[in-house]
Structures are given as C-alpha cells and as structure tokens.
Amino acid sequence: MIAYTVRCRFDDPMVGAEWIAWLVREHLADVIAGGAIDATVVQLDGDPLTCEVRYHFPTRAAFDRYERDHAPALREEGLKQFPLERGLHYERSVGEVMANYPDA
C-alpha cells in the first residue's frame, strides 16, 4: 500500500476553511475515483493554519497511474479555485506503508 500526503499551510484561516469545504465537496471523491482507496483530512493540533490530506493507494502502480492520468488535471483545477497567491503553501510526500495495525 502507498501513502500519499498533501500538507497545506494557509496564511488566512478563512481560505483554509474554504479549501477544506472544497475538498469534502469535490476533491476527495475525485482522487478516490482516480485510484485512492480512502482519504482523511487532518487539521494539525497546535497549528490551526495547517492541514494534511492523507490518501492510500492499493499499489505503487495504482499511485503511478493516478500521478500520470489524474493528478495533473486535479492539481490544475485546485490551482484555478485556490491560486497560490491566496496564501496556500503545499508539500507532498509519498511512501510505502510498512504496517497498518490492527490489519498488519
């Protein structure tokens, strides 16, 4: 299983709230349609201006297909609705899930 995390920091908490609403309303379902098996949105404790979106893909091949076939258009759509000039700062990470307790 592959874990894909998108961390976003907001300069303005209102933009963050708008971004989360868009995720729940549209974007999470689009990423799942592109191959993810689940999605979780986490607002970090102690940092109300930072959120992480955590996706799981069943295999590296499924993630690679998502990156190739779906991610470019979804990222473009996100940047149209939330241009970086609105104070959004993204970081992405990808890694192999080594254990998933209690299902390990």
PDB file of N, CA and C in Angstrom:
ATOM      1  N   MET A   1       0.848  -1.169   0.000  1.00  0.00           N
ATOM      2  CA  MET A   1       0.000   0.000   0.000  1.00  0.00           C
ATOM      3  C   MET A   1       0.898   1.239   0.000  1.00  0.00           C
ATOM      4  N   ILE A   2       0.445   2.283  -0.673  1.00  0.00           N
ATOM      5  CA  ILE A   2       1.185   3.530  -0.763  1.00  0.00           C
ATOM      6  C   ILE A   2       0.408   4.637  -0.047  1.00  0.00           C
ATOM      7  N   ALA A   3       1.114   5.389   0.789  1.00  0.00           N
ATOM      8  CA  ALA A   3       0.534   6.548   1.470  1.00  0.00           C
ATOM      9  C   ALA A   3       0.996   7.803   0.743  1.00  0.00           C
ATOM     10  N   TYR A   4       0.053   8.658   0.432  1.00  0.00           N
ATOM     11  CA  TYR A   4       0.320   9.928  -0.244  1.00  0.00           C
ATOM     12  C   TYR A   4      -0.268  11.020   0.639  1.00  0.00           C
ATOM     13  N   THR A   5       0.569  11.949   1.074  1.00  0.00           N
ATOM     14  CA  THR A   5       0.130  13.017   1.972  1.00  0.00           C
ATOM     15  C   THR A   5       0.369  14.364   1.315  1.00  0.00           C
ATOM     16  N   VAL A   6      -0.652  15.197   1.364  1.00  0.00           N
ATOM     17  CA  VAL A   6      -0.552  16.578   0.902  1.00  0.00           C
ATOM     18  C   VAL A   6      -0.744  17.461   2.125  1.00  0.00           C
ATOM     19  N   ARG A   7       0.272  18.256   2.441  1.00  0.00           N
ATOM     20  CA  ARG A   7       0.192  19.196   3.563  1.00  0.00           C
ATOM     21  C   ARG A   7       0.012  20.594   2.976  1.00  0.00           C
ATOM     22  N   CYS A   8      -0.958  21.314   3.510  1.00  0.00           N
ATOM     23  CA  CYS A   8      -1.202  22.678   3.047  1.00  0.00           C
ATOM     24  C   CYS A   8      -1.241  23.617   4.241  1.00  0.00           C
ATOM     25  N   ARG A   9      -0.482  24.699   4.124  1.00  0.00           N
ATOM     26  CA  ARG A   9      -0.470  25.745   5.145  1.00  0.00           C
ATOM     27  C   ARG A   9      -1.125  26.977   4.535  1.00  0.00           C
ATOM     28  N   PHE A  10      -1.951  27.634   5.341  1.00  0.00           N
ATOM     29  CA  PHE A  10      -2.732  28.780   4.889  1.00  0.00           C
ATOM     30  C   PHE A  10      -2.292  30.043   5.614  1.00  0.00           C
ATOM     31  N   ASP A  11      -2.179  31.131   4.885  1.00  0.00           N
ATOM     32  CA  ASP A  11      -1.914  32.422   5.514  1.00  0.00           C
ATOM     33  C   ASP A  11      -3.171  32.965   6.188  1.00  0.00           C
ATOM     34  N   ASP A  12      -4.335  32.573   5.661  1.00  0.00           N
ATOM     35  CA  ASP A  12      -5.621  33.091   6.139  1.00  0.00           C
ATOM     36  C   ASP A  12      -6.518  31.916   6.535  1.00  0.00           C
ATOM     37  N   PRO A  13      -6.984  31.848   7.778  1.00  0.00           N
ATOM     38  CA  PRO A  13      -7.815  30.716   8.199  1.00  0.00           C
ATOM     39  C   PRO A  13      -9.135  30.605   7.418  1.00  0.00           C
ATOM     40  N   MET A  14      -9.641  31.718   6.893  1.00  0.00           N
ATOM     41  CA  MET A  14     -10.873  31.658   6.099  1.00  0.00           C
ATOM     42  C   MET A  14     -10.629  30.924   4.778  1.00  0.00           C
ATOM     43  N   VAL A  15      -9.474  31.137   4.187  1.00  0.00           N
ATOM     44  CA  VAL A  15      -9.123  30.406   2.965  1.00  0.00           C
ATOM     45  C   VAL A  15      -8.989  28.922   3.292  1.00  0.00           C
ATOM     46  N   GLY A  16      -8.410  28.602   4.441  1.00  0.00           N
ATOM     47  CA  GLY A  16      -8.293  27.211   4.858  1.00  0.00           C
ATOM     48  C   GLY A  16      -9.648  26.545   5.002  1.00  0.00           C
ATOM     49  N   ALA A  17     -10.589  27.224   5.611  1.00  0.00           N
ATOM     50  CA  ALA A  17     -11.938  26.667   5.784  1.00  0.00           C
ATOM     51  C   ALA A  17     -12.608  26.454   4.423  1.00  0.00           C
ATOM     52  N   GLU A  18     -12.414  27.389   3.520  1.00  0.00           N
ATOM     53  CA  GLU A  18     -12.979  27.272   2.171  1.00  0.00           C
ATOM     54  C   GLU A  18     -12.345  26.087   1.425  1.00  0.00           C
ATOM     55  N   TRP A  19     -11.030  25.931   1.583  1.00  0.00           N
ATOM     56  CA  TRP A  19     -10.306  24.843   0.928  1.00  0.00           C
ATOM     57  C   TRP A  19     -10.790  23.489   1.445  1.00  0.00           C
ATOM     58  N   ILE A  20     -10.947  23.357   2.760  1.00  0.00           N
ATOM     59  CA  ILE A  20     -11.429  22.096   3.337  1.00  0.00           C
ATOM     60  C   ILE A  20     -12.840  21.779   2.842  1.00  0.00           C
ATOM     61  N   ALA A  21     -13.696  22.780   2.776  1.00  0.00           N
ATOM     62  CA  ALA A  21     -15.059  22.559   2.266  1.00  0.00           C
ATOM     63  C   ALA A  21     -15.018  22.054   0.824  1.00  0.00           C
ATOM     64  N   TRP A  22     -14.130  22.617   0.001  1.00  0.00           N
ATOM     65  CA  TRP A  22     -13.983  22.169  -1.386  1.00  0.00           C
ATOM     66  C   TRP A  22     -13.481  20.724  -1.432  1.00  0.00           C
ATOM     67  N   LEU A  23     -12.518  20.391  -0.563  1.00  0.00           N
ATOM     68  CA  LEU A  23     -12.028  19.012  -0.512  1.00  0.00           C
ATOM     69  C   LEU A  23     -13.174  18.042  -0.270  1.00  0.00           C
ATOM     70  N   VAL A  24     -13.953  18.325   0.754  1.00  0.00           N
ATOM     71  CA  VAL A  24     -15.037  17.425   1.160  1.00  0.00           C
ATOM     72  C   VAL A  24     -16.124  17.368   0.088  1.00  0.00           C
ATOM     73  N   ARG A  25     -16.410  18.495  -0.508  1.00  0.00           N
ATOM     74  CA  ARG A  25     -17.482  18.589  -1.503  1.00  0.00           C
ATOM     75  C   ARG A  25     -17.094  17.942  -2.834  1.00  0.00           C
ATOM     76  N   GLU A  26     -15.797  18.052  -3.243  1.00  0.00           N
ATOM     77  CA  GLU A  26     -15.421  17.620  -4.583  1.00  0.00           C
ATOM     78  C   GLU A  26     -14.141  16.790  -4.650  1.00  0.00           C
ATOM     79  N   HIS A  27     -13.070  17.350  -4.150  1.00  0.00           N
ATOM     80  CA  HIS A  27     -11.749  16.847  -4.493  1.00  0.00           C
ATOM     81  C   HIS A  27     -11.458  15.444  -3.961  1.00  0.00           C
ATOM     82  N   LEU A  28     -11.837  15.139  -2.738  1.00  0.00           N
ATOM     83  CA  LEU A  28     -11.563  13.806  -2.183  1.00  0.00           C
ATOM     84  C   LEU A  28     -12.174  12.721  -3.055  1.00  0.00           C
ATOM     85  N   ALA A  29     -13.410  12.916  -3.485  1.00  0.00           N
ATOM     86  CA  ALA A  29     -14.078  11.925  -4.345  1.00  0.00           C
ATOM     87  C   ALA A  29     -13.366  11.793  -5.680  1.00  0.00           C
ATOM     88  N   ASP A  30     -12.829  12.901  -6.200  1.00  0.00           N
ATOM     89  CA  ASP A  30     -12.099  12.847  -7.471  1.00  0.00           C
ATOM     90  C   ASP A  30     -10.817  12.034  -7.341  1.00  0.00           C
ATOM     91  N   VAL A  31     -10.105  12.185  -6.218  1.00  0.00           N
ATOM     92  CA  VAL A  31      -8.876  11.408  -6.018  1.00  0.00           C
ATOM     93  C   VAL A  31      -9.212   9.928  -5.825  1.00  0.00           C
ATOM     94  N   ILE A  32     -10.274   9.634  -5.122  1.00  0.00           N
ATOM     95  CA  ILE A  32     -10.697   8.240  -4.967  1.00  0.00           C
ATOM     96  C   ILE A  32     -11.109   7.659  -6.321  1.00  0.00           C
ATOM     97  N   ALA A  33     -11.805   8.437  -7.124  1.00  0.00           N
ATOM     98  CA  ALA A  33     -12.154   7.977  -8.473  1.00  0.00           C
ATOM     99  C   ALA A  33     -10.897   7.731  -9.310  1.00  0.00           C
ATOM    100  N   GLY A  34      -9.814   8.429  -8.976  1.00  0.00           N
ATOM    101  CA  GLY A  34      -8.554   8.254  -9.676  1.00  0.00           C
ATOM    102  C   GLY A  34      -7.706   7.107  -9.159  1.00  0.00           C
ATOM    103  N   GLY A  35      -8.170   6.395  -8.126  1.00  0.00           N
ATOM    104  CA  GLY A  35      -7.451   5.207  -7.685  1.00  0.00           C
ATOM    105  C   GLY A  35      -7.166   5.085  -6.197  1.00  0.00           C
ATOM    106  N   ALA A  36      -7.345   6.159  -5.426  1.00  0.00           N
ATOM    107  CA  ALA A  36      -7.133   6.052  -3.974  1.00  0.00           C
ATOM    108  C   ALA A  36      -8.228   5.186  -3.360  1.00  0.00           C
ATOM    109  N   ILE A  37      -7.896   4.530  -2.249  1.00  0.00           N
ATOM    110  CA  ILE A  37      -8.904   3.694  -1.589  1.00  0.00           C
ATOM    111  C   ILE A  37      -9.547   4.399  -0.397  1.00  0.00           C
ATOM    112  N   ASP A  38      -8.909   5.479   0.096  1.00  0.00           N
ATOM    113  CA  ASP A  38      -9.518   6.275   1.157  1.00  0.00           C
ATOM    114  C   ASP A  38      -8.833   7.632   1.226  1.00  0.00           C
ATOM    115  N   ALA A  39      -9.436   8.516   2.003  1.00  0.00           N
ATOM    116  CA  ALA A  39      -8.891   9.861   2.178  1.00  0.00           C
ATOM    117  C   ALA A  39      -9.279  10.369   3.553  1.00  0.00           C
ATOM    118  N   THR A  40      -8.344  11.037   4.209  1.00  0.00           N
ATOM    119  CA  THR A  40      -8.572  11.606   5.532  1.00  0.00           C
ATOM    120  C   THR A  40      -8.034  13.025   5.545  1.00  0.00           C
ATOM    121  N   VAL A  41      -8.809  13.947   6.104  1.00  0.00           N
ATOM    122  CA  VAL A  41      -8.376  15.331   6.257  1.00  0.00           C
ATOM    123  C   VAL A  41      -8.106  15.562   7.739  1.00  0.00           C
ATOM    124  N   VAL A  42      -6.896  16.051   8.055  1.00  0.00           N
ATOM    125  CA  VAL A  42      -6.477  16.239   9.439  1.00  0.00           C
ATOM    126  C   VAL A  42      -6.016  17.680   9.622  1.00  0.00           C
ATOM    127  N   GLN A  43      -6.636  18.383  10.565  1.00  0.00           N
ATOM    128  CA  GLN A  43      -6.125  19.703  10.950  1.00  0.00           C
ATOM    129  C   GLN A  43      -5.161  19.465  12.107  1.00  0.00           C
ATOM    130  N   LEU A  44      -3.936  19.918  11.954  1.00  0.00           N
ATOM    131  CA  LEU A  44      -2.892  19.594  12.919  1.00  0.00           C
ATOM    132  C   LEU A  44      -3.096  20.316  14.248  1.00  0.00           C
ATOM    133  N   ASP A  45      -2.954  19.581  15.337  1.00  0.00           N
ATOM    134  CA  ASP A  45      -3.013  20.172  16.675  1.00  0.00           C
ATOM    135  C   ASP A  45      -1.931  21.229  16.808  1.00  0.00           C
ATOM    136  N   GLY A  46      -2.272  22.317  17.440  1.00  0.00           N
ATOM    137  CA  GLY A  46      -1.299  23.359  17.713  1.00  0.00           C
ATOM    138  C   GLY A  46      -0.973  24.233  16.514  1.00  0.00           C
ATOM    139  N   ASP A  47      -1.556  23.931  15.354  1.00  0.00           N
ATOM    140  CA  ASP A  47      -1.287  24.721  14.155  1.00  0.00           C
ATOM    141  C   ASP A  47      -2.561  24.797  13.317  1.00  0.00           C
ATOM    142  N   PRO A  48      -3.480  25.672  13.694  1.00  0.00           N
ATOM    143  CA  PRO A  48      -4.776  25.725  13.007  1.00  0.00           C
ATOM    144  C   PRO A  48      -4.679  26.173  11.552  1.00  0.00           C
ATOM    145  N   LEU A  49      -3.508  26.602  11.116  1.00  0.00           N
ATOM    146  CA  LEU A  49      -3.343  27.033   9.736  1.00  0.00           C
ATOM    147  C   LEU A  49      -2.737  25.945   8.846  1.00  0.00           C
ATOM    148  N   THR A  50      -2.574  24.736   9.375  1.00  0.00           N
ATOM    149  CA  THR A  50      -2.002  23.651   8.582  1.00  0.00           C
ATOM    150  C   THR A  50      -2.908  22.430   8.608  1.00  0.00           C
ATOM    151  N   CYS A  51      -3.142  21.874   7.415  1.00  0.00           N
ATOM    152  CA  CYS A  51      -3.942  20.668   7.246  1.00  0.00           C
ATOM    153  C   CYS A  51      -3.144  19.643   6.472  1.00  0.00           C
ATOM    154  N   GLU A  52      -3.410  18.381   6.753  1.00  0.00           N
ATOM    155  CA  GLU A  52      -2.873  17.299   5.941  1.00  0.00           C
ATOM    156  C   GLU A  52      -4.024  16.492   5.372  1.00  0.00           C
ATOM    157  N   VAL A  53      -3.868  16.120   4.116  1.00  0.00           N
ATOM    158  CA  VAL A  53      -4.807  15.206   3.478  1.00  0.00           C
ATOM    159  C   VAL A  53      -4.017  13.937   3.206  1.00  0.00           C
ATOM    160  N   ARG A  54      -4.519  12.829   3.732  1.00  0.00           N
ATOM    161  CA  ARG A  54      -3.808  11.557   3.645  1.00  0.00           C
ATOM    162  C   ARG A  54      -4.628  10.582   2.806  1.00  0.00           C
ATOM    163  N   TYR A  55      -4.006  10.115   1.759  1.00  0.00           N
ATOM    164  CA  TYR A  55      -4.638   9.156   0.840  1.00  0.00           C
ATOM    165  C   TYR A  55      -3.854   7.848   0.893  1.00  0.00           C
ATOM    166  N   HIS A  56      -4.553   6.754   0.641  1.00  0.00           N
ATOM    167  CA  HIS A  56      -3.902   5.450   0.476  1.00  0.00           C
ATOM    168  C   HIS A  56      -4.262   4.912  -0.902  1.00  0.00           C
ATOM    169  N   PHE A  57      -3.253   4.350  -1.550  1.00  0.00           N
ATOM    170  CA  PHE A  57      -3.432   3.687  -2.840  1.00  0.00           C
ATOM    171  C   PHE A  57      -3.056   2.222  -2.644  1.00  0.00           C
ATOM    172  N   PRO A  58      -3.746   1.300  -3.309  1.00  0.00           N
ATOM    173  CA  PRO A  58      -3.509  -0.118  -3.040  1.00  0.00           C
ATOM    174  C   PRO A  58      -2.119  -0.603  -3.459  1.00  0.00           C
ATOM    175  N   THR A  59      -1.552   0.013  -4.493  1.00  0.00           N
ATOM    176  CA  THR A  59      -0.241  -0.411  -5.001  1.00  0.00           C
ATOM    177  C   THR A  59       0.515   0.804  -5.531  1.00  0.00           C
ATOM    178  N   ARG A  60       1.808   0.631  -5.735  1.00  0.00           N
ATOM    179  CA  ARG A  60       2.617   1.689  -6.367  1.00  0.00           C
ATOM    180  C   ARG A  60       2.118   1.944  -7.788  1.00  0.00           C
ATOM    181  N   ALA A  61       1.740   0.891  -8.497  1.00  0.00           N
ATOM    182  CA  ALA A  61       1.232   1.055  -9.868  1.00  0.00           C
ATOM    183  C   ALA A  61      -0.038   1.904  -9.882  1.00  0.00           C
ATOM    184  N   ALA A  62      -0.928   1.690  -8.913  1.00  0.00           N
ATOM    185  CA  ALA A  62      -2.153   2.499  -8.836  1.00  0.00           C
ATOM    186  C   ALA A  62      -1.817   3.962  -8.564  1.00  0.00           C
ATOM    187  N   PHE A  63      -0.855   4.196  -7.681  1.00  0.00           N
ATOM    188  CA  PHE A  63      -0.440   5.577  -7.417  1.00  0.00           C
ATOM    189  C   PHE A  63       0.200   6.189  -8.656  1.00  0.00           C
ATOM    190  N   ASP A  64       1.053   5.435  -9.331  1.00  0.00           N
ATOM    191  CA  ASP A  64       1.694   5.946 -10.546  1.00  0.00           C
ATOM    192  C   ASP A  64       0.660   6.297 -11.618  1.00  0.00           C
ATOM    193  N   ARG A  65      -0.376   5.467 -11.765  1.00  0.00           N
ATOM    194  CA  ARG A  65      -1.458   5.782 -12.717  1.00  0.00           C
ATOM    195  C   ARG A  65      -2.162   7.062 -12.316  1.00  0.00           C
ATOM    196  N   TYR A  66      -2.435   7.206 -11.004  1.00  0.00           N
ATOM    197  CA  TYR A  66      -3.068   8.436 -10.520  1.00  0.00           C
ATOM    198  C   TYR A  66      -2.199   9.644 -10.871  1.00  0.00           C
ATOM    199  N   GLU A  67      -0.918   9.564 -10.571  1.00  0.00           N
ATOM    200  CA  GLU A  67       0.008  10.674 -10.855  1.00  0.00           C
ATOM    201  C   GLU A  67       0.040  11.005 -12.344  1.00  0.00           C
ATOM    202  N   ARG A  68       0.029   9.988 -13.183  1.00  0.00           N
ATOM    203  CA  ARG A  68       0.126  10.189 -14.622  1.00  0.00           C
ATOM    204  C   ARG A  68      -1.191  10.646 -15.247  1.00  0.00           C
ATOM    205  N   ASP A  69      -2.300   9.986 -14.871  1.00  0.00           N
ATOM    206  CA  ASP A  69      -3.561  10.164 -15.584  1.00  0.00           C
ATOM    207  C   ASP A  69      -4.541  11.133 -14.937  1.00  0.00           C
ATOM    208  N   HIS A  70      -4.410  11.371 -13.637  1.00  0.00           N
ATOM    209  CA  HIS A  70      -5.416  12.169 -12.930  1.00  0.00           C
ATOM    210  C   HIS A  70      -4.857  13.401 -12.220  1.00  0.00           C
ATOM    211  N   ALA A  71      -3.712  13.247 -11.570  1.00  0.00           N
ATOM    212  CA  ALA A  71      -3.183  14.327 -10.735  1.00  0.00           C
ATOM    213  C   ALA A  71      -2.967  15.642 -11.482  1.00  0.00           C
ATOM    214  N   PRO A  72      -2.422  15.643 -12.704  1.00  0.00           N
ATOM    215  CA  PRO A  72      -2.196  16.939 -13.354  1.00  0.00           C
ATOM    216  C   PRO A  72      -3.479  17.769 -13.506  1.00  0.00           C
ATOM    217  N   ALA A  73      -4.564  17.147 -13.959  1.00  0.00           N
ATOM    218  CA  ALA A  73      -5.816  17.885 -14.131  1.00  0.00           C
ATOM    219  C   ALA A  73      -6.416  18.289 -12.787  1.00  0.00           C
ATOM    220  N   LEU A  74      -6.325  17.407 -11.794  1.00  0.00           N
ATOM    221  CA  LEU A  74      -6.882  17.746 -10.482  1.00  0.00           C
ATOM    222  C   LEU A  74      -6.101  18.880  -9.825  1.00  0.00           C
ATOM    223  N   ARG A  75      -4.786  18.881  -9.974  1.00  0.00           N
ATOM    224  CA  ARG A  75      -3.977  19.970  -9.414  1.00  0.00           C
ATOM    225  C   ARG A  75      -4.273  21.281 -10.132  1.00  0.00           C
ATOM    226  N   GLU A  76      -4.430  21.210 -11.449  1.00  0.00           N
ATOM    227  CA  GLU A  76      -4.768  22.413 -12.213  1.00  0.00           C
ATOM    228  C   GLU A  76      -6.111  22.983 -11.756  1.00  0.00           C
ATOM    229  N   GLU A  77      -7.090  22.115 -11.568  1.00  0.00           N
ATOM    230  CA  GLU A  77      -8.407  22.539 -11.082  1.00  0.00           C
ATOM    231  C   GLU A  77      -8.294  23.197  -9.706  1.00  0.00           C
ATOM    232  N   GLY A  78      -7.506  22.568  -8.820  1.00  0.00           N
ATOM    233  CA  GLY A  78      -7.320  23.134  -7.488  1.00  0.00           C
ATOM    234  C   GLY A  78      -6.663  24.504  -7.537  1.00  0.00           C
ATOM    235  N   LEU A  79      -5.671  24.665  -8.405  1.00  0.00           N
ATOM    236  CA  LEU A  79      -4.986  25.960  -8.503  1.00  0.00           C
ATOM    237  C   LEU A  79      -5.865  27.035  -9.134  1.00  0.00           C
ATOM    238  N   LYS A  80      -6.821  26.640  -9.968  1.00  0.00           N
ATOM    239  CA  LYS A  80      -7.772  27.624 -10.504  1.00  0.00           C
ATOM    240  C   LYS A  80      -8.662  28.155  -9.382  1.00  0.00           C
ATOM    241  N   GLN A  81      -9.119  27.253  -8.523  1.00  0.00           N
ATOM    242  CA  GLN A  81     -10.007  27.665  -7.435  1.00  0.00           C
ATOM    243  C   GLN A  81      -9.233  28.299  -6.276  1.00  0.00           C
ATOM    244  N   PHE A  82      -8.007  27.840  -6.063  1.00  0.00           N
ATOM    245  CA  PHE A  82      -7.197  28.315  -4.941  1.00  0.00           C
ATOM    246  C   PHE A  82      -5.783  28.636  -5.427  1.00  0.00           C
ATOM    247  N   PRO A  83      -5.629  29.764  -6.150  1.00  0.00           N
ATOM    248  CA  PRO A  83      -4.288  30.125  -6.612  1.00  0.00           C
ATOM    249  C   PRO A  83      -3.351  30.347  -5.425  1.00  0.00           C
ATOM    250  N   LEU A  84      -2.084  30.058  -5.640  1.00  0.00           N
ATOM    251  CA  LEU A  84      -1.096  30.203  -4.569  1.00  0.00           C
ATOM    252  C   LEU A  84      -1.061  31.628  -4.018  1.00  0.00           C
ATOM    253  N   GLU A  85      -1.435  32.581  -4.823  1.00  0.00           N
ATOM    254  CA  GLU A  85      -1.462  33.978  -4.384  1.00  0.00           C
ATOM    255  C   GLU A  85      -2.460  34.226  -3.253  1.00  0.00           C
ATOM    256  N   ARG A  86      -3.352  33.282  -3.024  1.00  0.00           N
ATOM    257  CA  ARG A  86      -4.299  33.395  -1.905  1.00  0.00           C
ATOM    258  C   ARG A  86      -3.663  32.943  -0.595  1.00  0.00           C
ATOM    259  N   GLY A  87      -2.388  32.590  -0.631  1.00  0.00           N
ATOM    260  CA  GLY A  87      -1.684  32.240   0.595  1.00  0.00           C
ATOM    261  C   GLY A  87      -1.713  30.770   0.951  1.00  0.00           C
ATOM    262  N   LEU A  88      -1.653  29.898  -0.044  1.00  0.00           N
ATOM    263  CA  LEU A  88      -1.574  28.455   0.178  1.00  0.00           C
ATOM    264  C   LEU A  88      -0.149  28.003  -0.107  1.00  0.00           C
ATOM    265  N   HIS A  89       0.348  27.100   0.728  1.00  0.00           N
ATOM    266  CA  HIS A  89       1.708  26.583   0.602  1.00  0.00           C
ATOM    267  C   HIS A  89       1.625  25.058   0.724  1.00  0.00           C
ATOM    268  N   TYR A  90       2.012  24.355  -0.346  1.00  0.00           N
ATOM    269  CA  TYR A  90       1.862  22.896  -0.409  1.00  0.00           C
ATOM    270  C   TYR A  90       3.179  22.163  -0.205  1.00  0.00           C
ATOM    271  N   GLU A  91       3.098  20.992   0.427  1.00  0.00           N
ATOM    272  CA  GLU A  91       4.169  19.999   0.492  1.00  0.00           C
ATOM    273  C   GLU A  91       3.514  18.649   0.255  1.00  0.00           C
ATOM    274  N   ARG A  92       4.191  17.807  -0.500  1.00  0.00           N
ATOM    275  CA  ARG A  92       3.672  16.468  -0.760  1.00  0.00           C
ATOM    276  C   ARG A  92       4.720  15.426  -0.382  1.00  0.00           C
ATOM    277  N   SER A  93       4.260  14.277   0.101  1.00  0.00           N
ATOM    278  CA  SER A  93       5.169  13.158   0.380  1.00  0.00           C
ATOM    279  C   SER A  93       4.473  11.856   0.008  1.00  0.00           C
ATOM    280  N   VAL A  94       5.297  10.882  -0.343  1.00  0.00           N
ATOM    281  CA  VAL A  94       4.820   9.561  -0.765  1.00  0.00           C
ATOM    282  C   VAL A  94       5.695   8.514  -0.094  1.00  0.00           C
ATOM    283  N   GLY A  95       5.086   7.432   0.354  1.00  0.00           N
ATOM    284  CA  GLY A  95       5.875   6.356   0.936  1.00  0.00           C
ATOM    285  C   GLY A  95       5.092   5.062   0.991  1.00  0.00           C
ATOM    286  N   GLU A  96       5.816   3.982   1.170  1.00  0.00           N
ATOM    287  CA  GLU A  96       5.212   2.666   1.292  1.00  0.00           C
ATOM    288  C   GLU A  96       4.760   2.442   2.731  1.00  0.00           C
ATOM    289  N   VAL A  97       3.533   1.968   2.903  1.00  0.00           N
ATOM    290  CA  VAL A  97       3.003   1.629   4.215  1.00  0.00           C
ATOM    291  C   VAL A  97       3.647   0.319   4.648  1.00  0.00           C
ATOM    292  N   MET A  98       4.338   0.357   5.759  1.00  0.00           N
ATOM    293  CA  MET A  98       5.045  -0.829   6.250  1.00  0.00           C
ATOM    294  C   MET A  98       4.162  -1.682   7.160  1.00  0.00           C
ATOM    295  N   ALA A  99       3.205  -1.073   7.833  1.00  0.00           N
ATOM    296  CA  ALA A  99       2.285  -1.800   8.700  1.00  0.00           C
ATOM    297  C   ALA A  99       1.044  -0.947   8.873  1.00  0.00           C
ATOM    298  N   ASN A 100      -0.072  -1.626   9.034  1.00  0.00           N
ATOM    299  CA  ASN A 100      -1.345  -0.942   9.245  1.00  0.00           C
ATOM    300  C   ASN A 100      -2.071  -1.700  10.351  1.00  0.00           C
ATOM    301  N   TYR A 101      -1.822  -1.330  11.579  1.00  0.00           N
ATOM    302  CA  TYR A 101      -2.377  -2.012  12.739  1.00  0.00           C
ATOM    303  C   TYR A 101      -3.826  -1.591  12.939  1.00  0.00           C
ATOM    304  N   PRO A 102      -4.773  -2.435  13.201  1.00  0.00           N
ATOM    305  CA  PRO A 102      -4.632  -3.852  13.556  1.00  0.00           C
ATOM    306  C   PRO A 102      -4.628  -4.791  12.360  1.00  0.00           C
ATOM    307  N   ASP A 103      -4.653  -4.261  11.154  1.00  0.00           N
ATOM    308  CA  ASP A 103      -4.706  -5.121   9.972  1.00  0.00           C
ATOM    309  C   ASP A 103      -3.358  -5.623   9.512  1.00  0.00           C
ATOM    310  N   ALA A 104      -2.305  -5.362  10.298  1.00  0.00           N
ATOM    311  CA  ALA A 104      -0.943  -5.735   9.877  1.00  0.00           C
ATOM    312  C   ALA A 104      -0.767  -7.225   9.742  1.00  0.00           C
TER     313      ALA A 104
END
